Amino acid sequence: MTSLKAKLGILIAGLMLSGCMQTTSYQPAPEATLKPADKAQLAKARYAKVPVAEPFRRAIVDYHRREQPGTIVVDSDNHYLYLVQDGGKAIRYGITVGEEALAFSGIARVGNMAEWPRWTPTADIHKRIEGLPAFVPGGVDNPLGARALYLYQGGRDTLFRIHGTNQPEYIGASISSGCIRMTNEDVIDLYSRVKQGTIVVVLDPKHGDSPYNSKMALQGGSGGPMTQ
């Protein structure tokens, strides 16, 4: 039932947004960001490589908020992650986010980064999902996918991640255990553009700020979190 609701939600969102997206320039993640090991892993993927719904495909967009270039901004309400660029632009990626009770919000930093990371389920995840192994080795079938950015606050691991996924069909939905999922190709691209220490702003629930819900634009750019 949950997966059916998630898929219906993605379809409805796509239909609602498609009329507003005619001038958006969608661009797949550059092939140059893929290392030989990435190509080898992705070639043997056993999951269905389902195309991401058009509104959630990687795009270069105008950016009206005031975070500094290089900042990652996550809009969980609208299922977008922005990497702020110079000149009022941002690279926008579609994401899967946590269900409301499991969602993370606040300002963090990238405290660690890993390529094809192993996955060690937390005690909380073991309680919610029975039968999980103690850890899953890195690889294309690992739930963390091709890359992981580990979010830290006050020098401590929050246990929340920005990472890849072996379920691209859920990009644009809210189903995860709180982490922020991207397609493997997109997270490889993002990983190649950021570094340890990068600031990550995850907007509070019900405070999303996309071109279709431009609260910050209507307020003249005031009232939102800023980086220094």
Protein backbone atom coordinates (compact mmCIF):
# COMPACT_ATOMS: atom_id res chain seq x y z
CA MET A 1 0.00 0.00 0.00
CA THR A 2 2.80 2.43 0.89
CA SER A 3 4.59 1.87 -2.41
CA LEU A 4 1.33 2.36 -4.36
CA LYS A 5 0.64 5.64 -2.54
CA ALA A 6 4.19 6.80 -3.18
CA LYS A 7 3.97 6.04 -6.90
CA LEU A 8 0.59 7.80 -7.17
CA GLY A 9 2.05 10.81 -5.35
CA ILE A 10 4.93 11.04 -7.81
CA LEU A 11 2.53 10.80 -10.77
CA ILE A 12 0.22 13.51 -9.39
CA ALA A 13 3.15 15.81 -8.58
CA GLY A 14 4.50 15.33 -12.08
CA LEU A 15 1.16 16.23 -13.63
CA MET A 16 0.75 19.29 -11.40
CA LEU A 17 4.21 20.63 -12.11
CA SER A 18 4.60 19.73 -15.77
CA GLY A 19 2.72 22.80 -16.95
CA CYS A 20 5.16 25.05 -15.07
CA MET A 21 8.29 23.36 -16.33
CA GLN A 22 8.24 24.06 -20.05
CA THR A 23 11.26 26.41 -19.99
CA THR A 24 13.38 24.34 -17.58
CA SER A 25 16.52 22.90 -19.10
CA TYR A 26 16.88 19.30 -17.92
CA GLN A 27 20.39 17.92 -18.09
CA PRO A 28 21.53 14.40 -17.21
CA ALA A 29 24.50 14.12 -14.86
CA PRO A 30 27.69 14.48 -16.92
CA GLU A 31 29.33 11.21 -17.94
CA ALA A 32 32.66 12.76 -16.94
CA THR A 33 31.75 12.42 -13.26
CA LEU A 34 31.62 8.62 -13.58
CA LYS A 35 34.83 6.80 -12.70
CA PRO A 36 35.65 3.41 -14.28
CA ALA A 37 34.58 1.70 -11.05
CA ASP A 38 31.26 3.56 -11.19
CA LYS A 39 30.58 2.44 -14.74
CA ALA A 40 31.42 -1.14 -13.82
CA GLN A 41 29.09 -1.10 -10.81
CA LEU A 42 26.21 0.59 -12.61
CA ALA A 43 26.50 -1.83 -15.53
CA LYS A 44 25.67 -4.76 -13.25
CA ALA A 45 22.77 -3.09 -11.41
CA ARG A 46 19.92 -5.52 -10.82
CA TYR A 47 17.34 -2.88 -9.99
CA ALA A 48 15.03 -1.51 -12.67
CA LYS A 49 16.50 1.69 -14.13
CA VAL A 50 13.18 3.53 -14.11
CA PRO A 51 13.28 7.02 -15.66
CA VAL A 52 12.80 9.77 -13.09
CA ALA A 53 9.59 11.79 -13.58
CA GLU A 54 10.43 14.90 -15.61
CA PRO A 55 9.93 17.53 -12.86
CA PHE A 56 12.48 15.71 -10.69
CA ARG A 57 15.25 15.37 -13.26
CA ARG A 58 18.51 17.24 -12.81
CA ALA A 59 18.23 20.84 -14.02
CA ILE A 60 19.95 24.22 -13.87
CA VAL A 61 17.45 26.70 -12.40
CA ASP A 62 17.19 30.28 -11.17
CA TYR A 63 17.75 30.49 -7.43
CA HIS A 64 16.18 33.30 -5.40
CA ARG A 65 17.32 32.43 -1.87
CA ARG A 66 20.46 33.88 -0.28
CA GLU A 67 22.61 30.91 0.74
CA GLN A 68 26.22 31.18 -0.38
CA PRO A 69 27.39 29.38 -3.55
CA GLY A 70 28.47 25.85 -2.67
CA THR A 71 25.72 25.38 -0.07
CA ILE A 72 23.39 22.38 -0.31
CA VAL A 73 19.74 23.22 0.36
CA VAL A 74 17.18 20.44 0.79
CA ASP A 75 13.50 21.23 0.22
CA SER A 76 11.84 18.08 1.55
CA ASP A 77 8.30 19.37 0.96
CA ASN A 78 8.89 19.63 -2.78
CA HIS A 79 11.44 16.77 -3.07
CA TYR A 80 14.31 18.90 -4.35
CA LEU A 81 17.96 19.29 -3.42
CA TYR A 82 19.73 22.45 -4.62
CA LEU A 83 23.47 23.00 -4.97
CA VAL A 84 23.79 26.78 -4.98
CA GLN A 85 25.88 28.25 -7.80
CA ASP A 86 27.17 31.72 -8.61
CA GLY A 87 25.00 34.24 -10.46
CA GLY A 88 21.63 33.39 -8.94
CA LYS A 89 21.62 29.83 -10.25
CA ALA A 90 21.50 26.37 -8.71
CA ILE A 91 21.75 22.77 -9.81
CA ARG A 92 18.47 21.16 -8.76
CA TYR A 93 18.09 17.41 -8.23
CA GLY A 94 15.00 15.37 -7.47
CA ILE A 95 15.14 13.38 -4.23
CA THR A 96 13.36 10.85 -2.06
CA VAL A 97 12.90 12.01 1.53
CA GLY A 98 11.78 10.56 4.85
CA GLU A 99 8.20 10.20 5.89
CA GLU A 100 7.16 13.15 8.06
CA ALA A 101 7.78 11.44 11.42
CA LEU A 102 11.24 10.35 10.30
CA ALA A 103 12.37 13.50 8.51
CA PHE A 104 15.46 15.51 9.47
CA SER A 105 15.65 19.30 9.33
CA GLY A 106 18.14 21.93 10.42
CA ILE A 107 21.60 23.15 9.45
CA ALA A 108 24.41 20.63 9.27
CA ARG A 109 27.77 20.12 7.60
CA VAL A 110 29.15 17.32 5.50
CA GLY A 111 31.30 15.61 8.13
CA ASN A 112 32.37 12.63 6.05
CA MET A 113 32.12 11.39 2.46
CA ALA A 114 32.32 7.91 0.99
CA GLU A 115 32.27 6.23 -2.40
CA TRP A 116 30.23 3.02 -2.66
CA PRO A 117 29.80 2.99 1.13
CA ARG A 118 28.90 -0.02 3.24
CA TRP A 119 25.61 0.21 5.11
CA THR A 120 25.33 -0.47 8.81
CA PRO A 121 21.64 -0.31 9.83
CA THR A 122 21.04 1.56 13.09
CA ALA A 123 19.40 -0.08 16.10
CA ASP A 124 16.23 1.89 15.32
CA ILE A 125 16.11 0.53 11.77
CA HIS A 126 16.64 -3.02 13.08
CA LYS A 127 13.62 -2.53 15.37
CA ARG A 128 11.44 -1.33 12.50
CA ILE A 129 12.63 -3.84 9.90
CA GLU A 130 13.29 -7.38 11.06
CA GLY A 131 15.81 -9.69 9.47
CA LEU A 132 18.37 -7.10 8.36
CA PRO A 133 22.06 -8.09 8.36
CA ALA A 134 24.53 -6.35 10.66
CA PHE A 135 25.99 -4.59 7.62
CA VAL A 136 25.79 -4.63 3.82
CA PRO A 137 29.03 -4.26 1.82
CA GLY A 138 29.35 -1.42 -0.66
CA GLY A 139 28.08 -1.97 -4.17
CA VAL A 140 25.31 -1.18 -6.60
CA ASP A 141 22.73 -3.25 -4.67
CA ASN A 142 23.53 -1.52 -1.37
CA PRO A 143 20.69 0.81 -0.22
CA LEU A 144 23.20 3.68 0.15
CA GLY A 145 24.10 3.45 -3.53
CA ALA A 146 27.12 5.03 -5.16
CA ARG A 147 27.97 7.83 -2.74
CA ALA A 148 27.14 9.02 0.78
CA LEU A 149 27.47 12.44 2.40
CA TYR A 150 27.28 12.10 6.19
CA LEU A 151 25.55 15.01 7.95
CA TYR A 152 27.12 16.27 11.18
CA GLN A 153 25.98 18.86 13.74
CA GLY A 154 28.30 20.16 16.43
CA GLY A 155 30.97 17.72 15.30
CA ARG A 156 28.69 14.71 15.83
CA ASP A 157 27.18 12.37 13.29
CA THR A 158 23.42 12.94 13.03
CA LEU A 159 23.01 9.48 11.42
CA PHE A 160 21.28 11.17 8.49
CA ARG A 161 22.80 10.96 5.02
CA ILE A 162 22.50 12.23 1.50
CA HIS A 163 23.10 9.09 -0.54
CA GLY A 164 22.32 7.12 -3.67
CA THR A 165 19.53 4.59 -4.08
CA ASN A 166 18.70 1.32 -5.76
CA GLN A 167 15.05 2.42 -5.96
CA PRO A 168 15.02 5.28 -8.49
CA GLU A 169 11.28 4.81 -8.99
CA TYR A 170 10.69 6.60 -5.68
CA ILE A 171 12.46 9.85 -6.54
CA GLY A 172 9.84 12.50 -5.79
CA ALA A 173 8.26 10.54 -2.91
CA SER A 174 8.42 10.50 0.91
CA ILE A 175 9.12 6.93 1.94
CA SER A 176 12.65 6.63 3.31
CA SER A 177 13.86 6.22 6.88
CA GLY A 178 14.74 9.90 7.02
CA CYS A 179 17.76 10.00 4.74
CA ILE A 180 17.86 11.97 1.50
CA ARG A 181 18.11 9.70 -1.53
CA MET A 182 19.20 10.60 -5.05
CA THR A 183 19.71 8.53 -8.17
CA ASN A 184 23.19 7.04 -8.26
CA GLU A 185 24.12 9.17 -11.26
CA ASP A 186 22.94 12.36 -9.55
CA VAL A 187 24.64 11.66 -6.23
CA ILE A 188 27.91 10.92 -8.06
CA ASP A 189 27.58 14.33 -9.76
CA LEU A 190 26.80 16.10 -6.46
CA TYR A 191 29.66 14.31 -4.69
CA SER A 192 32.12 15.51 -7.33
CA ARG A 193 31.10 19.14 -6.69
CA VAL A 194 31.22 19.36 -2.88
CA LYS A 195 33.77 18.76 -0.15
CA GLN A 196 33.92 17.87 3.51
CA GLY A 197 32.66 20.82 5.55
CA THR A 198 30.03 21.87 3.00
CA ILE A 199 27.02 23.46 4.71
CA VAL A 200 23.71 21.64 4.29
CA VAL A 201 20.44 23.48 5.00
CA VAL A 202 17.44 21.15 5.35
CA LEU A 203 14.30 23.27 5.42
CA ASP A 204 11.73 22.55 8.15
CA PRO A 205 8.60 20.59 7.16
CA LYS A 206 5.87 22.84 5.72
CA HIS A 207 8.50 25.49 4.93
CA GLY A 208 9.40 24.30 1.45
CA ASP A 209 10.56 26.95 -0.98
CA SER A 210 10.49 25.96 -4.63
CA PRO A 211 9.42 28.00 -7.69
CA TYR A 212 5.96 26.50 -7.14
CA ASN A 213 5.77 27.54 -3.49
CA SER A 214 7.99 30.63 -3.41
CA LYS A 215 7.53 31.81 0.17
CA MET A 216 10.97 33.39 0.25
CA ALA A 217 10.43 35.18 -3.06
CA LEU A 218 7.14 36.65 -1.85
CA GLN A 219 8.87 37.89 1.31
CA GLY A 220 11.66 39.53 -0.62
CA GLY A 221 14.20 36.91 0.42
CA SER A 222 13.92 37.47 4.20
CA GLY A 223 13.24 35.05 6.98
CA GLY A 224 15.05 31.93 5.81
CA PRO A 225 18.22 30.26 7.05
CA MET A 226 21.42 31.77 5.73
CA THR A 227 25.01 30.65 5.63
CA GLN A 228 27.85 32.94 6.56
